[in-house]
Amino acid sequence: MAVRINCRDCKFYYITFDAGAPYGCRAYGFKSKQMPSVAVRQSSGNNCQLFSSKSGNGTSGSAGNKKGGNFYA
């Protein structure tokens, strides 16, 4: 059975402000009416090979904000 890719959990997935193509993939560099993983599957016949989990190994861009940063009381 094929693994179902959930683009919403991928760090490359984004919502565009284009009504004709509301979903985007930064890894593959395209926007689409359907979820990017579905578009990739339909065009190549393979599951997305560039999926990268947002939760990953803790190296997300927001990790630096957890210690308070430049907060002045």
Protein backbone atom coordinates (compact mmCIF):
# COMPACT_ATOMS: atom_id res chain seq x y z
CA MET A 1 0.00 0.00 0.00
CA ALA A 2 1.28 3.47 -0.91
CA VAL A 3 2.18 5.97 1.78
CA ARG A 4 -0.04 9.04 1.73
CA ILE A 5 1.94 12.29 1.92
CA ASN A 6 0.28 15.10 3.88
CA CYS A 7 1.62 18.34 2.44
CA ARG A 8 0.36 20.33 5.42
CA ASP A 9 3.03 18.62 7.52
CA CYS A 10 5.84 19.50 5.07
CA LYS A 11 8.14 22.48 5.52
CA PHE A 12 8.00 23.22 1.77
CA TYR A 13 4.19 23.51 1.62
CA TYR A 14 2.60 26.94 1.55
CA ILE A 15 -0.69 28.65 0.83
CA THR A 16 -0.58 31.06 -2.09
CA PHE A 17 -2.86 34.04 -2.51
CA ASP A 18 -3.70 32.95 -6.04
CA ALA A 19 -7.35 31.84 -6.21
CA GLY A 20 -6.61 29.69 -9.27
CA ALA A 21 -3.74 27.84 -7.60
CA PRO A 22 -4.06 28.09 -3.80
CA TYR A 23 -1.47 25.44 -2.83
CA GLY A 24 2.27 25.62 -3.40
CA CYS A 25 5.46 23.62 -3.00
CA ARG A 26 8.73 25.50 -2.55
CA ALA A 27 10.81 22.35 -3.06
CA TYR A 28 9.44 21.68 -6.54
CA GLY A 29 8.69 25.35 -7.25
CA PHE A 30 5.07 25.23 -8.37
CA LYS A 31 1.52 26.22 -7.41
CA SER A 32 -1.54 24.08 -8.03
CA LYS A 33 -5.31 23.78 -7.59
CA GLN A 34 -4.75 20.48 -5.81
CA MET A 35 -2.40 19.49 -3.03
CA PRO A 36 1.19 19.40 -4.33
CA SER A 37 1.68 15.74 -3.38
CA VAL A 38 -1.32 14.82 -5.55
CA ALA A 39 0.03 16.86 -8.48
CA VAL A 40 3.44 15.19 -8.15
CA ARG A 41 1.87 11.73 -8.01
CA GLN A 42 -0.30 12.40 -11.07
CA SER A 43 2.53 13.85 -13.16
CA SER A 44 5.35 11.47 -12.24
CA GLY A 45 3.56 8.34 -11.06
CA ASN A 46 5.66 8.43 -7.86
CA ASN A 47 5.10 9.77 -4.36
CA CYS A 48 6.76 13.06 -3.46
CA GLN A 49 10.46 12.47 -2.86
CA LEU A 50 11.16 15.88 -1.28
CA PHE A 51 8.79 15.74 1.71
CA SER A 52 10.44 17.11 4.84
CA SER A 53 8.52 17.17 8.11
CA LYS A 54 7.97 20.55 9.79
CA SER A 55 8.56 18.98 13.18
CA GLY A 56 11.71 17.27 11.89
CA ASN A 57 14.67 17.18 14.26
CA GLY A 58 14.19 20.56 15.91
CA THR A 59 16.00 22.65 13.29
CA SER A 60 13.01 24.78 12.34
CA GLY A 61 13.44 28.52 11.89
CA SER A 62 11.42 29.32 15.01
CA ALA A 63 13.71 27.38 17.36
CA GLY A 64 15.65 30.52 18.33
CA ASN A 65 12.54 32.25 19.62
CA LYS A 66 12.03 29.79 22.48
CA LYS A 67 14.62 31.37 24.78
CA GLY A 68 13.15 34.86 24.71
CA GLY A 69 15.55 36.46 22.25
CA ASN A 70 15.77 40.23 22.59
CA PHE A 71 12.96 40.75 25.06
CA TYR A 72 13.35 43.70 27.40
CA ALA A 73 11.22 44.01 30.53
